[in-house]
Amino acid sequence: MKIISVVTGTYNEEDNIGEFCQRVNAVFEKLPGYRYEIIVIDNSSQDGTVGVLRRLASTDPRIKVILNARNFGPIR
């Protein structure tokens, strides 16, 4: 079975990241021939994004989280 990795970065996405994961899950429910994982790289968010990510990852083993020690934004 093929596996697809969906990778996204976050910065202060506390209100959005749960919805993003739900939408990705909904897409893959329609693709039974694939396994998938969601890899979220947090760019040192200052809101509650990290807590939300930890909760999501603890309930769904397909969600992987990488937490940057500081902001590695595209301008830096």
N, C-alpha and C. Protein backbone atom coordinates (compact mmCIF):
# COMPACT_ATOMS: atom_id res chain seq x y z
N MET A 1 0.84 -1.18 0.00
CA MET A 1 0.00 0.00 0.00
C MET A 1 0.89 1.25 0.00
N LYS A 2 0.53 2.22 -0.79
CA LYS A 2 1.29 3.46 -0.88
C LYS A 2 1.01 4.34 0.33
N ILE A 3 2.03 5.10 0.72
CA ILE A 3 1.86 6.06 1.82
C ILE A 3 2.17 7.46 1.31
N ILE A 4 1.35 8.40 1.72
CA ILE A 4 1.53 9.80 1.36
C ILE A 4 1.77 10.59 2.64
N SER A 5 2.77 11.45 2.61
CA SER A 5 3.05 12.35 3.74
C SER A 5 2.58 13.74 3.36
N VAL A 6 1.68 14.27 4.16
CA VAL A 6 1.20 15.64 3.99
C VAL A 6 1.97 16.48 5.01
N VAL A 7 2.74 17.44 4.52
CA VAL A 7 3.61 18.24 5.39
C VAL A 7 3.15 19.68 5.36
N THR A 8 3.04 20.28 6.55
CA THR A 8 2.67 21.69 6.63
C THR A 8 3.41 22.35 7.78
N GLY A 9 3.63 23.62 7.63
CA GLY A 9 4.21 24.42 8.70
C GLY A 9 3.11 25.19 9.41
N THR A 10 3.35 25.53 10.67
CA THR A 10 2.38 26.34 11.41
C THR A 10 3.11 27.42 12.19
N TYR A 11 2.41 28.51 12.38
CA TYR A 11 2.83 29.57 13.28
C TYR A 11 1.57 30.26 13.76
N ASN A 12 1.27 30.09 15.03
CA ASN A 12 0.07 30.67 15.65
C ASN A 12 -1.20 30.26 14.90
N GLU A 13 -1.39 28.96 14.76
CA GLU A 13 -2.55 28.41 14.05
C GLU A 13 -3.48 27.65 14.98
N GLU A 14 -3.53 28.07 16.23
CA GLU A 14 -4.35 27.40 17.24
C GLU A 14 -5.79 27.19 16.77
N ASP A 15 -6.36 28.16 16.12
CA ASP A 15 -7.77 28.08 15.72
C ASP A 15 -7.98 27.31 14.42
N ASN A 16 -6.91 27.00 13.70
CA ASN A 16 -7.04 26.41 12.36
C ASN A 16 -6.52 24.99 12.21
N ILE A 17 -5.56 24.58 13.00
CA ILE A 17 -4.87 23.33 12.72
C ILE A 17 -5.77 22.11 12.90
N GLY A 18 -6.71 22.16 13.82
CA GLY A 18 -7.65 21.05 13.99
C GLY A 18 -8.51 20.86 12.76
N GLU A 19 -9.00 21.94 12.22
CA GLU A 19 -9.81 21.90 10.99
C GLU A 19 -8.98 21.37 9.82
N PHE A 20 -7.74 21.80 9.72
CA PHE A 20 -6.86 21.31 8.65
C PHE A 20 -6.74 19.79 8.72
N CYS A 21 -6.46 19.26 9.90
CA CYS A 21 -6.30 17.81 10.05
C CYS A 21 -7.60 17.08 9.72
N GLN A 22 -8.73 17.62 10.13
CA GLN A 22 -10.02 17.00 9.81
C GLN A 22 -10.24 16.96 8.30
N ARG A 23 -9.90 18.02 7.62
CA ARG A 23 -10.09 18.06 6.16
C ARG A 23 -9.17 17.08 5.44
N VAL A 24 -7.93 16.97 5.91
CA VAL A 24 -7.02 15.99 5.30
C VAL A 24 -7.57 14.59 5.52
N ASN A 25 -8.03 14.30 6.74
CA ASN A 25 -8.62 12.99 7.03
C ASN A 25 -9.79 12.71 6.11
N ALA A 26 -10.64 13.70 5.88
CA ALA A 26 -11.82 13.52 5.02
C ALA A 26 -11.42 13.18 3.59
N VAL A 27 -10.38 13.80 3.09
CA VAL A 27 -9.92 13.51 1.73
C VAL A 27 -9.45 12.06 1.63
N PHE A 28 -8.66 11.62 2.61
CA PHE A 28 -8.10 10.28 2.54
C PHE A 28 -9.11 9.18 2.84
N GLU A 29 -10.21 9.52 3.48
CA GLU A 29 -11.28 8.53 3.66
C GLU A 29 -11.82 8.08 2.31
N LYS A 30 -11.72 8.93 1.31
CA LYS A 30 -12.20 8.62 -0.04
C LYS A 30 -11.14 7.92 -0.88
N LEU A 31 -9.95 7.71 -0.34
CA LEU A 31 -8.85 7.08 -1.06
C LEU A 31 -8.37 5.83 -0.30
N PRO A 32 -9.13 4.76 -0.33
CA PRO A 32 -8.79 3.60 0.49
C PRO A 32 -7.49 2.89 0.09
N GLY A 33 -6.97 3.16 -1.07
CA GLY A 33 -5.74 2.52 -1.52
C GLY A 33 -4.47 3.17 -0.99
N TYR A 34 -4.61 4.15 -0.12
CA TYR A 34 -3.45 4.88 0.39
C TYR A 34 -3.45 4.93 1.91
N ARG A 35 -2.26 4.85 2.45
CA ARG A 35 -2.05 5.20 3.84
C ARG A 35 -1.48 6.61 3.85
N TYR A 36 -1.60 7.30 4.95
CA TYR A 36 -1.09 8.67 4.99
C TYR A 36 -0.67 9.05 6.39
N GLU A 37 0.12 10.10 6.44
CA GLU A 37 0.50 10.72 7.70
C GLU A 37 0.47 12.23 7.49
N ILE A 38 0.24 12.94 8.57
CA ILE A 38 0.25 14.40 8.54
C ILE A 38 1.43 14.84 9.41
N ILE A 39 2.37 15.51 8.80
CA ILE A 39 3.55 16.00 9.52
C ILE A 39 3.40 17.51 9.66
N VAL A 40 3.32 17.96 10.90
CA VAL A 40 3.14 19.38 11.18
C VAL A 40 4.41 19.91 11.84
N ILE A 41 4.98 20.94 11.24
CA ILE A 41 6.20 21.55 11.78
C ILE A 41 5.81 22.91 12.36
N ASP A 42 5.86 23.02 13.67
CA ASP A 42 5.50 24.29 14.31
C ASP A 42 6.71 25.18 14.41
N ASN A 43 6.52 26.44 14.01
CA ASN A 43 7.61 27.40 13.94
C ASN A 43 7.66 28.29 15.19
N SER A 44 7.65 27.65 16.36
CA SER A 44 7.73 28.35 17.64
C SER A 44 6.54 29.28 17.87
N SER A 45 5.34 28.73 17.73
CA SER A 45 4.11 29.51 17.92
C SER A 45 4.06 30.12 19.31
N GLN A 46 3.43 31.28 19.40
CA GLN A 46 3.29 31.99 20.66
C GLN A 46 1.90 31.82 21.27
N ASP A 47 0.99 31.16 20.58
CA ASP A 47 -0.36 30.93 21.10
C ASP A 47 -0.47 29.48 21.58
N GLY A 48 -1.62 28.89 21.55
CA GLY A 48 -1.84 27.53 22.03
C GLY A 48 -1.69 26.45 20.98
N THR A 49 -1.04 26.77 19.87
CA THR A 49 -0.89 25.80 18.78
C THR A 49 -0.21 24.51 19.25
N VAL A 50 0.83 24.62 20.02
CA VAL A 50 1.58 23.44 20.46
C VAL A 50 0.68 22.52 21.28
N GLY A 51 -0.11 23.06 22.17
CA GLY A 51 -1.02 22.24 22.96
C GLY A 51 -2.03 21.52 22.09
N VAL A 52 -2.57 22.22 21.11
CA VAL A 52 -3.53 21.61 20.19
C VAL A 52 -2.84 20.49 19.41
N LEU A 53 -1.64 20.74 18.91
CA LEU A 53 -0.91 19.72 18.16
C LEU A 53 -0.63 18.49 19.01
N ARG A 54 -0.23 18.70 20.24
CA ARG A 54 0.04 17.56 21.13
C ARG A 54 -1.23 16.74 21.37
N ARG A 55 -2.33 17.41 21.55
CA ARG A 55 -3.61 16.71 21.76
C ARG A 55 -3.98 15.91 20.52
N LEU A 56 -3.88 16.54 19.35
CA LEU A 56 -4.21 15.85 18.10
C LEU A 56 -3.32 14.63 17.89
N ALA A 57 -2.02 14.79 18.12
CA ALA A 57 -1.07 13.69 17.92
C ALA A 57 -1.30 12.56 18.91
N SER A 58 -1.77 12.89 20.11
CA SER A 58 -2.01 11.84 21.11
C SER A 58 -3.24 11.01 20.78
N THR A 59 -4.14 11.55 19.96
CA THR A 59 -5.36 10.82 19.62
C THR A 59 -5.33 10.22 18.22
N ASP A 60 -4.37 10.62 17.40
CA ASP A 60 -4.30 10.12 16.03
C ASP A 60 -2.84 9.80 15.69
N PRO A 61 -2.48 8.53 15.60
CA PRO A 61 -1.08 8.17 15.35
C PRO A 61 -0.56 8.58 13.97
N ARG A 62 -1.45 9.01 13.09
CA ARG A 62 -1.01 9.47 11.76
C ARG A 62 -0.49 10.89 11.81
N ILE A 63 -0.73 11.60 12.91
CA ILE A 63 -0.27 12.99 13.04
C ILE A 63 1.07 13.01 13.76
N LYS A 64 2.07 13.54 13.08
CA LYS A 64 3.42 13.68 13.64
C LYS A 64 3.70 15.17 13.80
N VAL A 65 4.39 15.51 14.88
CA VAL A 65 4.63 16.93 15.18
C VAL A 65 6.12 17.16 15.38
N ILE A 66 6.63 18.19 14.73
CA ILE A 66 8.00 18.66 14.93
C ILE A 66 7.90 20.07 15.50
N LEU A 67 8.53 20.30 16.64
CA LEU A 67 8.49 21.62 17.28
C LEU A 67 9.85 22.29 17.16
N ASN A 68 9.90 23.37 16.42
CA ASN A 68 11.14 24.14 16.30
C ASN A 68 11.41 24.89 17.59
N ALA A 69 12.67 24.97 17.97
CA ALA A 69 13.07 25.66 19.20
C ALA A 69 12.93 27.18 19.08
N ARG A 70 12.97 27.67 17.85
CA ARG A 70 12.78 29.10 17.62
C ARG A 70 12.13 29.27 16.24
N ASN A 71 11.79 30.49 15.91
CA ASN A 71 11.11 30.76 14.64
C ASN A 71 12.12 30.76 13.50
N PHE A 72 11.93 29.83 12.59
CA PHE A 72 12.78 29.75 11.40
C PHE A 72 11.99 30.20 10.18
N GLY A 73 11.31 31.33 10.30
CA GLY A 73 10.46 31.84 9.24
C GLY A 73 11.20 32.08 7.94
N PRO A 74 10.46 32.26 6.85
CA PRO A 74 11.08 32.41 5.52
C PRO A 74 11.91 33.68 5.38
N ILE A 75 11.68 34.66 6.22
CA ILE A 75 12.43 35.92 6.12
C ILE A 75 13.74 35.85 6.90
N ARG A 76 13.82 34.94 7.85
CA ARG A 76 15.01 34.84 8.71
C ARG A 76 16.15 34.17 8.00
